[in-house]
Amino acid sequence: MKLVSAIIKPFKLDDVREALSEIGVQGITVTEVKGFGRQKGHTELYRGAEYVVDFLPKVKVEVGVSDDLLDRAIEAVSKAANTGKIGDGKIFVTPLEQAIRIRTGETGDDAI
């Protein structure tokens, strides 16, 4: 099992959710986050004053997947979140040692 964490632009969330649903992913966790990468933020004008926005709003999508679904999940997120512009985000894959469904006590792949 793997935990796929993707940091994406907020307006791409629905596209990513639909793409994951189409390949059979049943549940995702979404968190509103802020951060920066190569974009390094930007400047904005507010009431005539210029100020720097260091951290940009992003969305973090996390999903636990079985090993056989991993490549399809990565491809689905990559295609759905891609705009071709800087700041599209990143995908991180980490090992998932155990998953337990609290309601039923199912473990492993059965729990995800």
PDB file of N, CA and C in Angstrom:
ATOM      1  N   MET A   1       0.841  -1.184   0.000  1.00  0.00           N
ATOM      2  CA  MET A   1       0.000   0.000   0.000  1.00  0.00           C
ATOM      3  C   MET A   1       0.883   1.243   0.000  1.00  0.00           C
ATOM      4  N   LYS A   2       0.367   2.290  -0.588  1.00  0.00           N
ATOM      5  CA  LYS A   2       1.086   3.563  -0.657  1.00  0.00           C
ATOM      6  C   LYS A   2       0.139   4.700  -0.282  1.00  0.00           C
ATOM      7  N   LEU A   3       0.728   5.762   0.259  1.00  0.00           N
ATOM      8  CA  LEU A   3      -0.006   6.992   0.509  1.00  0.00           C
ATOM      9  C   LEU A   3       0.428   7.999  -0.542  1.00  0.00           C
ATOM     10  N   VAL A   4      -0.506   8.426  -1.361  1.00  0.00           N
ATOM     11  CA  VAL A   4      -0.235   9.408  -2.406  1.00  0.00           C
ATOM     12  C   VAL A   4      -0.721  10.757  -1.895  1.00  0.00           C
ATOM     13  N   SER A   5       0.211  11.708  -1.793  1.00  0.00           N
ATOM     14  CA  SER A   5      -0.114  13.068  -1.361  1.00  0.00           C
ATOM     15  C   SER A   5       0.179  13.996  -2.525  1.00  0.00           C
ATOM     16  N   ALA A   6      -0.809  14.762  -2.916  1.00  0.00           N
ATOM     17  CA  ALA A   6      -0.637  15.684  -4.040  1.00  0.00           C
ATOM     18  C   ALA A   6      -0.959  17.101  -3.586  1.00  0.00           C
ATOM     19  N   ILE A   7      -0.071  18.025  -3.897  1.00  0.00           N
ATOM     20  CA  ILE A   7      -0.296  19.446  -3.639  1.00  0.00           C
ATOM     21  C   ILE A   7      -0.675  20.063  -4.987  1.00  0.00           C
ATOM     22  N   ILE A   8      -1.890  20.583  -5.071  1.00  0.00           N
ATOM     23  CA  ILE A   8      -2.406  21.060  -6.360  1.00  0.00           C
ATOM     24  C   ILE A   8      -3.015  22.452  -6.219  1.00  0.00           C
ATOM     25  N   LYS A   9      -3.316  23.057  -7.363  1.00  0.00           N
ATOM     26  CA  LYS A   9      -4.025  24.336  -7.366  1.00  0.00           C
ATOM     27  C   LYS A   9      -5.480  24.083  -6.958  1.00  0.00           C
ATOM     28  N   PRO A  10      -6.043  24.976  -6.145  1.00  0.00           N
ATOM     29  CA  PRO A  10      -7.400  24.743  -5.632  1.00  0.00           C
ATOM     30  C   PRO A  10      -8.471  24.531  -6.705  1.00  0.00           C
ATOM     31  N   PHE A  11      -8.382  25.237  -7.813  1.00  0.00           N
ATOM     32  CA  PHE A  11      -9.429  25.110  -8.826  1.00  0.00           C
ATOM     33  C   PHE A  11      -9.374  23.786  -9.587  1.00  0.00           C
ATOM     34  N   LYS A  12      -8.318  22.997  -9.369  1.00  0.00           N
ATOM     35  CA  LYS A  12      -8.200  21.694 -10.022  1.00  0.00           C
ATOM     36  C   LYS A  12      -8.730  20.546  -9.155  1.00  0.00           C
ATOM     37  N   LEU A  13      -9.211  20.854  -7.955  1.00  0.00           N
ATOM     38  CA  LEU A  13      -9.642  19.811  -7.030  1.00  0.00           C
ATOM     39  C   LEU A  13     -10.748  18.930  -7.606  1.00  0.00           C
ATOM     40  N   ASP A  14     -11.775  19.519  -8.191  1.00  0.00           N
ATOM     41  CA  ASP A  14     -12.877  18.718  -8.735  1.00  0.00           C
ATOM     42  C   ASP A  14     -12.401  17.798  -9.851  1.00  0.00           C
ATOM     43  N   ASP A  15     -11.504  18.288 -10.700  1.00  0.00           N
ATOM     44  CA  ASP A  15     -10.970  17.458 -11.781  1.00  0.00           C
ATOM     45  C   ASP A  15     -10.200  16.266 -11.222  1.00  0.00           C
ATOM     46  N   VAL A  16      -9.397  16.505 -10.188  1.00  0.00           N
ATOM     47  CA  VAL A  16      -8.613  15.432  -9.579  1.00  0.00           C
ATOM     48  C   VAL A  16      -9.530  14.421  -8.904  1.00  0.00           C
ATOM     49  N   ARG A  17     -10.531  14.905  -8.186  1.00  0.00           N
ATOM     50  CA  ARG A  17     -11.481  14.018  -7.512  1.00  0.00           C
ATOM     51  C   ARG A  17     -12.184  13.118  -8.516  1.00  0.00           C
ATOM     52  N   GLU A  18     -12.642  13.688  -9.620  1.00  0.00           N
ATOM     53  CA  GLU A  18     -13.332  12.908 -10.653  1.00  0.00           C
ATOM     54  C   GLU A  18     -12.394  11.892 -11.292  1.00  0.00           C
ATOM     55  N   ALA A  19     -11.159  12.291 -11.558  1.00  0.00           N
ATOM     56  CA  ALA A  19     -10.190  11.380 -12.180  1.00  0.00           C
ATOM     57  C   ALA A  19      -9.896  10.196 -11.264  1.00  0.00           C
ATOM     58  N   LEU A  20      -9.769  10.447  -9.966  1.00  0.00           N
ATOM     59  CA  LEU A  20      -9.515   9.359  -9.023  1.00  0.00           C
ATOM     60  C   LEU A  20     -10.737   8.450  -8.895  1.00  0.00           C
ATOM     61  N   SER A  21     -11.922   9.024  -8.903  1.00  0.00           N
ATOM     62  CA  SER A  21     -13.150   8.219  -8.826  1.00  0.00           C
ATOM     63  C   SER A  21     -13.277   7.292 -10.028  1.00  0.00           C
ATOM     64  N   GLU A  22     -12.891   7.777 -11.203  1.00  0.00           N
ATOM     65  CA  GLU A  22     -12.995   6.988 -12.430  1.00  0.00           C
ATOM     66  C   GLU A  22     -12.110   5.742 -12.405  1.00  0.00           C
ATOM     67  N   ILE A  23     -10.998   5.788 -11.670  1.00  0.00           N
ATOM     68  CA  ILE A  23     -10.118   4.615 -11.626  1.00  0.00           C
ATOM     69  C   ILE A  23     -10.420   3.715 -10.432  1.00  0.00           C
ATOM     70  N   GLY A  24     -11.440   4.079  -9.649  1.00  0.00           N
ATOM     71  CA  GLY A  24     -11.865   3.214  -8.562  1.00  0.00           C
ATOM     72  C   GLY A  24     -11.406   3.608  -7.176  1.00  0.00           C
ATOM     73  N   VAL A  25     -10.825   4.794  -7.022  1.00  0.00           N
ATOM     74  CA  VAL A  25     -10.450   5.265  -5.693  1.00  0.00           C
ATOM     75  C   VAL A  25     -11.723   5.704  -4.982  1.00  0.00           C
ATOM     76  N   GLN A  26     -11.943   5.163  -3.789  1.00  0.00           N
ATOM     77  CA  GLN A  26     -13.217   5.390  -3.112  1.00  0.00           C
ATOM     78  C   GLN A  26     -13.215   6.568  -2.150  1.00  0.00           C
ATOM     79  N   GLY A  27     -12.079   6.922  -1.588  1.00  0.00           N
ATOM     80  CA  GLY A  27     -12.074   8.010  -0.619  1.00  0.00           C
ATOM     81  C   GLY A  27     -10.797   8.811  -0.684  1.00  0.00           C
ATOM     82  N   ILE A  28     -10.933  10.112  -0.452  1.00  0.00           N
ATOM     83  CA  ILE A  28      -9.769  10.987  -0.417  1.00  0.00           C
ATOM     84  C   ILE A  28      -9.891  11.916   0.786  1.00  0.00           C
ATOM     85  N   THR A  29      -8.773  12.451   1.200  1.00  0.00           N
ATOM     86  CA  THR A  29      -8.747  13.474   2.246  1.00  0.00           C
ATOM     87  C   THR A  29      -8.204  14.743   1.616  1.00  0.00           C
ATOM     88  N   VAL A  30      -8.884  15.858   1.873  1.00  0.00           N
ATOM     89  CA  VAL A  30      -8.494  17.139   1.284  1.00  0.00           C
ATOM     90  C   VAL A  30      -8.236  18.141   2.404  1.00  0.00           C
ATOM     91  N   THR A  31      -7.118  18.844   2.291  1.00  0.00           N
ATOM     92  CA  THR A  31      -6.749  19.866   3.262  1.00  0.00           C
ATOM     93  C   THR A  31      -6.374  21.134   2.521  1.00  0.00           C
ATOM     94  N   GLU A  32      -6.858  22.274   3.005  1.00  0.00           N
ATOM     95  CA  GLU A  32      -6.427  23.548   2.442  1.00  0.00           C
ATOM     96  C   GLU A  32      -5.096  23.906   3.079  1.00  0.00           C
ATOM     97  N   VAL A  33      -4.091  24.144   2.247  1.00  0.00           N
ATOM     98  CA  VAL A  33      -2.742  24.441   2.732  1.00  0.00           C
ATOM     99  C   VAL A  33      -2.210  25.686   2.032  1.00  0.00           C
ATOM    100  N   LYS A  34      -1.098  26.189   2.527  1.00  0.00           N
ATOM    101  CA  LYS A  34      -0.406  27.300   1.879  1.00  0.00           C
ATOM    102  C   LYS A  34       1.057  26.923   1.743  1.00  0.00           C
ATOM    103  N   GLY A  35       1.692  27.397   0.688  1.00  0.00           N
ATOM    104  CA  GLY A  35       3.097  27.098   0.501  1.00  0.00           C
ATOM    105  C   GLY A  35       3.632  27.781  -0.743  1.00  0.00           C
ATOM    106  N   PHE A  36       4.886  27.475  -1.028  1.00  0.00           N
ATOM    107  CA  PHE A  36       5.490  27.994  -2.254  1.00  0.00           C
ATOM    108  C   PHE A  36       6.597  27.063  -2.689  1.00  0.00           C
ATOM    109  N   GLY A  37       6.871  27.099  -3.971  1.00  0.00           N
ATOM    110  CA  GLY A  37       7.967  26.348  -4.557  1.00  0.00           C
ATOM    111  C   GLY A  37       8.761  27.314  -5.393  1.00  0.00           C
ATOM    112  N   ARG A  38       8.866  27.005  -6.661  1.00  0.00           N
ATOM    113  CA  ARG A  38       9.616  27.894  -7.559  1.00  0.00           C
ATOM    114  C   ARG A  38       8.892  29.211  -7.801  1.00  0.00           C
ATOM    115  N   GLN A  39       7.580  29.232  -7.539  1.00  0.00           N
ATOM    116  CA  GLN A  39       6.822  30.469  -7.748  1.00  0.00           C
ATOM    117  C   GLN A  39       7.314  31.585  -6.842  1.00  0.00           C
ATOM    118  N   LYS A  40       7.718  31.256  -5.643  1.00  0.00           N
ATOM    119  CA  LYS A  40       8.224  32.209  -4.654  1.00  0.00           C
ATOM    120  C   LYS A  40       7.217  33.287  -4.283  1.00  0.00           C
ATOM    121  N   GLY A  41       5.932  33.021  -4.434  1.00  0.00           N
ATOM    122  CA  GLY A  41       4.924  34.016  -4.093  1.00  0.00           C
ATOM    123  C   GLY A  41       4.816  35.085  -5.166  1.00  0.00           C
ATOM    124  N   HIS A  42       4.119  36.164  -4.831  1.00  0.00           N
ATOM    125  CA  HIS A  42       3.964  37.265  -5.772  1.00  0.00           C
ATOM    126  C   HIS A  42       3.581  38.525  -5.002  1.00  0.00           C
ATOM    127  N   THR A  43       3.566  39.663  -5.711  1.00  0.00           N
ATOM    128  CA  THR A  43       3.164  40.918  -5.075  1.00  0.00           C
ATOM    129  C   THR A  43       1.764  41.288  -5.534  1.00  0.00           C
ATOM    130  N   GLU A  44       1.027  41.947  -4.647  1.00  0.00           N
ATOM    131  CA  GLU A  44      -0.313  42.410  -4.971  1.00  0.00           C
ATOM    132  C   GLU A  44      -0.468  43.837  -4.492  1.00  0.00           C
ATOM    133  N   LEU A  45      -1.439  44.522  -5.074  1.00  0.00           N
ATOM    134  CA  LEU A  45      -1.772  45.876  -4.639  1.00  0.00           C
ATOM    135  C   LEU A  45      -3.073  45.833  -3.846  1.00  0.00           C
ATOM    136  N   TYR A  46      -3.088  46.498  -2.697  1.00  0.00           N
ATOM    137  CA  TYR A  46      -4.310  46.594  -1.901  1.00  0.00           C
ATOM    138  C   TYR A  46      -4.416  48.018  -1.385  1.00  0.00           C
ATOM    139  N   ARG A  47      -5.452  48.719  -1.817  1.00  0.00           N
ATOM    140  CA  ARG A  47      -5.678  50.114  -1.434  1.00  0.00           C
ATOM    141  C   ARG A  47      -4.445  50.974  -1.655  1.00  0.00           C
ATOM    142  N   GLY A  48      -3.807  50.745  -2.800  1.00  0.00           N
ATOM    143  CA  GLY A  48      -2.662  51.555  -3.177  1.00  0.00           C
ATOM    144  C   GLY A  48      -1.332  51.115  -2.597  1.00  0.00           C
ATOM    145  N   ALA A  49      -1.359  50.161  -1.697  1.00  0.00           N
ATOM    146  CA  ALA A  49      -0.108  49.689  -1.094  1.00  0.00           C
ATOM    147  C   ALA A  49       0.257  48.334  -1.684  1.00  0.00           C
ATOM    148  N   GLU A  50       1.518  48.174  -1.983  1.00  0.00           N
ATOM    149  CA  GLU A  50       1.997  46.904  -2.526  1.00  0.00           C
ATOM    150  C   GLU A  50       2.463  46.011  -1.388  1.00  0.00           C
ATOM    151  N   TYR A  51       2.067  44.759  -1.426  1.00  0.00           N
ATOM    152  CA  TYR A  51       2.538  43.831  -0.403  1.00  0.00           C
ATOM    153  C   TYR A  51       2.850  42.487  -1.043  1.00  0.00           C
ATOM    154  N   VAL A  52       3.686  41.719  -0.375  1.00  0.00           N
ATOM    155  CA  VAL A  52       4.157  40.440  -0.895  1.00  0.00           C
ATOM    156  C   VAL A  52       3.319  39.305  -0.305  1.00  0.00           C
ATOM    157  N   VAL A  53       2.833  38.436  -1.170  1.00  0.00           N
ATOM    158  CA  VAL A  53       2.151  37.229  -0.736  1.00  0.00           C
ATOM    159  C   VAL A  53       3.183  36.103  -0.820  1.00  0.00           C
ATOM    160  N   ASP A  54       3.721  35.702   0.340  1.00  0.00           N
ATOM    161  CA  ASP A  54       4.777  34.701   0.370  1.00  0.00           C
ATOM    162  C   ASP A  54       4.252  33.292   0.145  1.00  0.00           C
ATOM    163  N   PHE A  55       3.128  32.984   0.757  1.00  0.00           N
ATOM    164  CA  PHE A  55       2.575  31.632   0.681  1.00  0.00           C
ATOM    165  C   PHE A  55       1.306  31.654  -0.152  1.00  0.00           C
ATOM    166  N   LEU A  56       1.262  30.777  -1.131  1.00  0.00           N
ATOM    167  CA  LEU A  56       0.122  30.723  -2.036  1.00  0.00           C
ATOM    168  C   LEU A  56      -0.850  29.643  -1.589  1.00  0.00           C
ATOM    169  N   PRO A  57      -2.152  29.875  -1.772  1.00  0.00           N
ATOM    170  CA  PRO A  57      -3.132  28.854  -1.381  1.00  0.00           C
ATOM    171  C   PRO A  57      -3.039  27.643  -2.297  1.00  0.00           C
ATOM    172  N   LYS A  58      -3.018  26.472  -1.690  1.00  0.00           N
ATOM    173  CA  LYS A  58      -2.976  25.198  -2.413  1.00  0.00           C
ATOM    174  C   LYS A  58      -3.940  24.237  -1.736  1.00  0.00           C
ATOM    175  N   VAL A  59      -4.125  23.092  -2.344  1.00  0.00           N
ATOM    176  CA  VAL A  59      -4.939  22.032  -1.772  1.00  0.00           C
ATOM    177  C   VAL A  59      -4.080  20.779  -1.719  1.00  0.00           C
ATOM    178  N   LYS A  60      -4.125  20.095  -0.577  1.00  0.00           N
ATOM    179  CA  LYS A  60      -3.406  18.832  -0.426  1.00  0.00           C
ATOM    180  C   LYS A  60      -4.431  17.705  -0.456  1.00  0.00           C
ATOM    181  N   VAL A  61      -4.247  16.805  -1.414  1.00  0.00           N
ATOM    182  CA  VAL A  61      -5.120  15.647  -1.567  1.00  0.00           C
ATOM    183  C   VAL A  61      -4.327  14.418  -1.148  1.00  0.00           C
ATOM    184  N   GLU A  62      -4.885  13.644  -0.229  1.00  0.00           N
ATOM    185  CA  GLU A  62      -4.216  12.430   0.224  1.00  0.00           C
ATOM    186  C   GLU A  62      -5.124  11.240  -0.027  1.00  0.00           C
ATOM    187  N   VAL A  63      -4.526  10.162  -0.530  1.00  0.00           N
ATOM    188  CA  VAL A  63      -5.295   8.952  -0.808  1.00  0.00           C
ATOM    189  C   VAL A  63      -4.416   7.736  -0.579  1.00  0.00           C
ATOM    190  N   GLY A  64      -4.962   6.765   0.107  1.00  0.00           N
ATOM    191  CA  GLY A  64      -4.277   5.495   0.281  1.00  0.00           C
ATOM    192  C   GLY A  64      -4.685   4.567  -0.850  1.00  0.00           C
ATOM    193  N   VAL A  65      -3.707   3.969  -1.510  1.00  0.00           N
ATOM    194  CA  VAL A  65      -4.005   3.080  -2.640  1.00  0.00           C
ATOM    195  C   VAL A  65      -3.217   1.782  -2.505  1.00  0.00           C
ATOM    196  N   SER A  66      -3.767   0.733  -3.079  1.00  0.00           N
ATOM    197  CA  SER A  66      -3.034  -0.533  -3.133  1.00  0.00           C
ATOM    198  C   SER A  66      -1.926  -0.395  -4.176  1.00  0.00           C
ATOM    199  N   ASP A  67      -0.918  -1.240  -4.068  1.00  0.00           N
ATOM    200  CA  ASP A  67       0.235  -1.141  -4.967  1.00  0.00           C
ATOM    201  C   ASP A  67      -0.156  -1.284  -6.433  1.00  0.00           C
ATOM    202  N   ASP A  68      -1.165  -2.108  -6.726  1.00  0.00           N
ATOM    203  CA  ASP A  68      -1.552  -2.312  -8.125  1.00  0.00           C
ATOM    204  C   ASP A  68      -2.290  -1.112  -8.713  1.00  0.00           C
ATOM    205  N   LEU A  69      -2.775  -0.205  -7.870  1.00  0.00           N
ATOM    206  CA  LEU A  69      -3.493   0.977  -8.340  1.00  0.00           C
ATOM    207  C   LEU A  69      -2.599   2.218  -8.368  1.00  0.00           C
ATOM    208  N   LEU A  70      -1.388   2.103  -7.851  1.00  0.00           N
ATOM    209  CA  LEU A  70      -0.518   3.259  -7.672  1.00  0.00           C
ATOM    210  C   LEU A  70      -0.240   4.013  -8.968  1.00  0.00           C
ATOM    211  N   ASP A  71       0.226   3.324  -9.994  1.00  0.00           N
ATOM    212  CA  ASP A  71       0.587   4.005 -11.241  1.00  0.00           C
ATOM    213  C   ASP A  71      -0.603   4.708 -11.870  1.00  0.00           C
ATOM    214  N   ARG A  72      -1.759   4.069 -11.822  1.00  0.00           N
ATOM    215  CA  ARG A  72      -2.969   4.698 -12.380  1.00  0.00           C
ATOM    216  C   ARG A  72      -3.383   5.925 -11.574  1.00  0.00           C
ATOM    217  N   ALA A  73      -3.206   5.872 -10.251  1.00  0.00           N
ATOM    218  CA  ALA A  73      -3.553   7.021  -9.409  1.00  0.00           C
ATOM    219  C   ALA A  73      -2.629   8.200  -9.696  1.00  0.00           C
ATOM    220  N   ILE A  74      -1.339   7.927  -9.821  1.00  0.00           N
ATOM    221  CA  ILE A  74      -0.379   8.996 -10.126  1.00  0.00           C
ATOM    222  C   ILE A  74      -0.692   9.620 -11.481  1.00  0.00           C
ATOM    223  N   GLU A  75      -0.969   8.786 -12.456  1.00  0.00           N
ATOM    224  CA  GLU A  75      -1.295   9.295 -13.791  1.00  0.00           C
ATOM    225  C   GLU A  75      -2.581  10.116 -13.773  1.00  0.00           C
ATOM    226  N   ALA A  76      -3.582   9.649 -13.040  1.00  0.00           N
ATOM    227  CA  ALA A  76      -4.862  10.368 -12.966  1.00  0.00           C
ATOM    228  C   ALA A  76      -4.676  11.750 -12.351  1.00  0.00           C
ATOM    229  N   VAL A  77      -3.932  11.829 -11.255  1.00  0.00           N
ATOM    230  CA  VAL A  77      -3.699  13.120 -10.603  1.00  0.00           C
ATOM    231  C   VAL A  77      -2.861  14.020 -11.502  1.00  0.00           C
ATOM    232  N   SER A  78      -1.815  13.467 -12.107  1.00  0.00           N
ATOM    233  CA  SER A  78      -0.938  14.270 -12.973  1.00  0.00           C
ATOM    234  C   SER A  78      -1.707  14.904 -14.124  1.00  0.00           C
ATOM    235  N   LYS A  79      -2.524  14.108 -14.787  1.00  0.00           N
ATOM    236  CA  LYS A  79      -3.276  14.633 -15.931  1.00  0.00           C
ATOM    237  C   LYS A  79      -4.340  15.636 -15.498  1.00  0.00           C
ATOM    238  N   ALA A  80      -5.048  15.328 -14.410  1.00  0.00           N
ATOM    239  CA  ALA A  80      -6.148  16.190 -13.984  1.00  0.00           C
ATOM    240  C   ALA A  80      -5.670  17.514 -13.402  1.00  0.00           C
ATOM    241  N   ALA A  81      -4.504  17.523 -12.759  1.00  0.00           N
ATOM    242  CA  ALA A  81      -4.017  18.741 -12.104  1.00  0.00           C
ATOM    243  C   ALA A  81      -3.150  19.600 -13.010  1.00  0.00           C
ATOM    244  N   ASN A  82      -2.791  19.100 -14.176  1.00  0.00           N
ATOM    245  CA  ASN A  82      -1.862  19.794 -15.060  1.00  0.00           C
ATOM    246  C   ASN A  82      -2.520  20.964 -15.783  1.00  0.00           C
ATOM    247  N   THR A  83      -1.900  22.145 -15.662  1.00  0.00           N
ATOM    248  CA  THR A  83      -2.309  23.297 -16.460  1.00  0.00           C
ATOM    249  C   THR A  83      -1.201  23.701 -17.416  1.00  0.00           C
ATOM    250  N   GLY A  84       0.012  23.149 -17.186  1.00  0.00           N
ATOM    251  CA  GLY A  84       1.153  23.512 -18.006  1.00  0.00           C
ATOM    252  C   GLY A  84       1.849  24.775 -17.538  1.00  0.00           C
ATOM    253  N   LYS A  85       1.390  25.341 -16.425  1.00  0.00           N
ATOM    254  CA  LYS A  85       1.976  26.569 -15.901  1.00  0.00           C
ATOM    255  C   LYS A  85       2.687  26.284 -14.591  1.00  0.00           C
ATOM    256  N   ILE A  86       3.557  27.188 -14.214  1.00  0.00           N
ATOM    257  CA  ILE A  86       4.284  27.035 -12.957  1.00  0.00           C
ATOM    258  C   ILE A  86       3.295  26.987 -11.791  1.00  0.00           C
ATOM    259  N   GLY A  87       3.609  26.165 -10.800  1.00  0.00           N
ATOM    260  CA  GLY A  87       2.739  26.068  -9.634  1.00  0.00           C
ATOM    261  C   GLY A  87       1.701  24.973  -9.709  1.00  0.00           C
ATOM    262  N   ASP A  88       1.798  24.082 -10.711  1.00  0.00           N
ATOM    263  CA  ASP A  88       0.829  22.993 -10.826  1.00  0.00           C
ATOM    264  C   ASP A  88       0.882  22.051  -9.629  1.00  0.00           C
ATOM    265  N   GLY A  89       2.022  21.953  -8.987  1.00  0.00           N
ATOM    266  CA  GLY A  89       2.098  21.181  -7.756  1.00  0.00           C
ATOM    267  C   GLY A  89       3.056  20.016  -7.818  1.00  0.00           C
ATOM    268  N   LYS A  90       2.938  19.159  -6.820  1.00  0.00           N
ATOM    269  CA  LYS A  90       3.814  17.998  -6.677  1.00  0.00           C
ATOM    270  C   LYS A  90       2.989  16.805  -6.208  1.00  0.00           C
ATOM    271  N   ILE A  91       3.519  15.620  -6.497  1.00  0.00           N
ATOM    272  CA  ILE A  91       2.936  14.373  -5.991  1.00  0.00           C
ATOM    273  C   ILE A  91       4.024  13.654  -5.206  1.00  0.00           C
ATOM    274  N   PHE A  92       3.685  13.251  -3.994  1.00  0.00           N
ATOM    275  CA  PHE A  92       4.610  12.503  -3.149  1.00  0.00           C
ATOM    276  C   PHE A  92       4.007  11.131  -2.874  1.00  0.00           C
ATOM    277  N   VAL A  93       4.831  10.099  -2.951  1.00  0.00           N
ATOM    278  CA  VAL A  93       4.389   8.737  -2.681  1.00  0.00           C
ATOM    279  C   VAL A  93       5.220   8.195  -1.531  1.00  0.00           C
ATOM    280  N   THR A  94       4.539   7.738  -0.483  1.00  0.00           N
ATOM    281  CA  THR A  94       5.225   7.173   0.676  1.00  0.00           C
ATOM    282  C   THR A  94       4.636   5.803   0.995  1.00  0.00           C
ATOM    283  N   PRO A  95       5.446   4.931   1.573  1.00  0.00           N
ATOM    284  CA  PRO A  95       4.926   3.616   1.961  1.00  0.00           C
ATOM    285  C   PRO A  95       3.853   3.767   3.038  1.00  0.00           C
ATOM    286  N   LEU A  96       2.840   2.938   2.961  1.00  0.00           N
ATOM    287  CA  LEU A  96       1.755   2.937   3.943  1.00  0.00           C
ATOM    288  C   LEU A  96       1.769   1.573   4.616  1.00  0.00           C
ATOM    289  N   GLU A  97       2.276   1.542   5.827  1.00  0.00           N
ATOM    290  CA  GLU A  97       2.474   0.269   6.501  1.00  0.00           C
ATOM    291  C   GLU A  97       1.178  -0.425   6.881  1.00  0.00           C
ATOM    292  N   GLN A  98       0.210   0.338   7.317  1.00  0.00           N
ATOM    293  CA  GLN A  98      -1.029  -0.282   7.781  1.00  0.00           C
ATOM    294  C   GLN A  98      -2.186   0.683   7.598  1.00  0.00           C
ATOM    295  N   ALA A  99      -3.348   0.144   7.313  1.00  0.00           N
ATOM    296  CA  ALA A  99      -4.584   0.919   7.246  1.00  0.00           C
ATOM    297  C   ALA A  99      -5.646   0.114   7.980  1.00  0.00           C
ATOM    298  N   ILE A 100      -6.428   0.783   8.806  1.00  0.00           N
ATOM    299  CA  ILE A 100      -7.472   0.117   9.572  1.00  0.00           C
ATOM    300  C   ILE A 100      -8.763   0.900   9.434  1.00  0.00           C
ATOM    301  N   ARG A 101      -9.815   0.235   9.029  1.00  0.00           N
ATOM    302  CA  ARG A 101     -11.132   0.871   8.980  1.00  0.00           C
ATOM    303  C   ARG A 101     -11.711   0.777  10.391  1.00  0.00           C
ATOM    304  N   ILE A 102     -11.945   1.899  11.015  1.00  0.00           N
ATOM    305  CA  ILE A 102     -12.360   1.932  12.404  1.00  0.00           C
ATOM    306  C   ILE A 102     -13.697   1.224  12.616  1.00  0.00           C
ATOM    307  N   ARG A 103     -14.660   1.465  11.735  1.00  0.00           N
ATOM    308  CA  ARG A 103     -15.998   0.910  11.917  1.00  0.00           C
ATOM    309  C   ARG A 103     -16.021  -0.606  11.918  1.00  0.00           C
ATOM    310  N   THR A 104     -15.304  -1.240  10.979  1.00  0.00           N
ATOM    311  CA  THR A 104     -15.391  -2.696  10.818  1.00  0.00           C
ATOM    312  C   THR A 104     -14.172  -3.444  11.325  1.00  0.00           C
ATOM    313  N   GLY A 105     -13.076  -2.733  11.523  1.00  0.00           N
ATOM    314  CA  GLY A 105     -11.840  -3.392  11.938  1.00  0.00           C
ATOM    315  C   GLY A 105     -11.063  -4.002  10.782  1.00  0.00           C
ATOM    316  N   GLU A 106     -11.529  -3.801   9.540  1.00  0.00           N
ATOM    317  CA  GLU A 106     -10.800  -4.316   8.375  1.00  0.00           C
ATOM    318  C   GLU A 106      -9.417  -3.684   8.342  1.00  0.00           C
ATOM    319  N   THR A 107      -8.443  -4.450   7.836  1.00  0.00           N
ATOM    320  CA  THR A 107      -7.078  -3.933   7.770  1.00  0.00           C
ATOM    321  C   THR A 107      -6.507  -4.119   6.368  1.00  0.00           C
ATOM    322  N   GLY A 108      -5.389  -3.435   6.109  1.00  0.00           N
ATOM    323  CA  GLY A 108      -4.693  -3.560   4.836  1.00  0.00           C
ATOM    324  C   GLY A 108      -5.505  -3.020   3.674  1.00  0.00           C
ATOM    325  N   ASP A 109      -5.372  -3.692   2.524  1.00  0.00           N
ATOM    326  CA  ASP A 109      -6.073  -3.261   1.305  1.00  0.00           C
ATOM    327  C   ASP A 109      -7.582  -3.222   1.504  1.00  0.00           C
ATOM    328  N   ASP A 110      -8.132  -4.088   2.341  1.00  0.00           N
ATOM    329  CA  ASP A 110      -9.579  -4.100   2.586  1.00  0.00           C
ATOM    330  C   ASP A 110     -10.050  -2.800   3.236  1.00  0.00           C
ATOM    331  N   ALA A 111      -9.172  -2.160   3.975  1.00  0.00           N
ATOM    332  CA  ALA A 111      -9.540  -0.929   4.695  1.00  0.00           C
ATOM    333  C   ALA A 111      -9.512   0.302   3.795  1.00  0.00           C
ATOM    334  N   ILE A 112      -8.792   0.214   2.682  1.00  0.00           N
ATOM    335  CA  ILE A 112      -8.736   1.385   1.805  1.00  0.00           C
ATOM    336  C   ILE A 112      -9.649   1.162   0.640  1.00  0.00           C
TER     337      ILE A 112
END
